[in-house]
Amino acid sequence: MADDLRARGRRAFSLTELLVAFGIVAVLIAILLPALSGIRRTAQRSACLANLRGIGLALAAYHSETRLVPDVVLATDDGIGGSVLLPRPDRPALADVLADYLDTPAPQRSAPGDTSAPWVSGPPWVCPADAGYLLNGVQDPRFDTAWRWDGSSYELGPVAILFNRLSIEFPTATRGAIQRAATRGLERRNWMFLSDADDWHPPPTRRNGLNFPDGSVGEYTVLGPGEFDAFADEVAPILHDAP
């Protein structure tokens, strides 16, 4: 008898009450999702900056030991993209040059020797915010991230342009002389050496970068044409006097 009375006393939720409960849950989700997304983006940016700081420490160790900045390849092995990784006969790959200083293996193709195979890579060469980029206007599903396509989420900054510029303006200078002259000039400045390959982070800092020689990391900066001209004029005496 008592059980029957308790059963009769129970009341199911009405449709209105259920709709109100669902509405409250929906509002809470709408409030929390942007906050969680913001936390995720902040964590990705922090991890990216940590990657660049680690590479910066390796770069500083290389510079301290050799008194040079690496003269490394920019293009991929098939002549497209902005990889900092693939070697050429006259220049090594940045990841290979810094591998001993980073104590981490350099990225490799998933199928060695196959230039169409995706890369196998990891920190510090992979930015967690890496969302890839379009190739000829089409997103290749095999390479949904830049590092799968180029081996790294990061690309060389103005330093690569500088090496190419000096090679063109001083065609008789050896690569070693250009490397020494570029190093001396860069030591007097603080130019961006490496940066995200695309704008993957939320504003105001859409792209992170690593500066040389102070190793600071932060917002990507663009140099004006006049700065390259001034640099070339400054190091010209070094290159003219080089053997």
Foldseek 3Di string as FASTA:
>chain_A
DVVVVVVVPDDDDDPVRVVVVVVVVVVVCVVVVVVVVVVVLVVLVVLLQVLLLLLLQLQLVLCVVPVFGFPFDQAAPVGDDGAQAPHDPVHHGSCVSSCVVSVHHQKAFPDHPDLVGFIDEDGPFERPLFQDDDDVNHQDVRPRGVCRNRVGQKGFDCLNVLLVVLCVVQVVFDSVLSRNLSSVLLQVDWAWTMKGPFQRHDPPARIKTAIPPVRDIDHDDDDDPVVSVVSCVVSVVSRVPDD
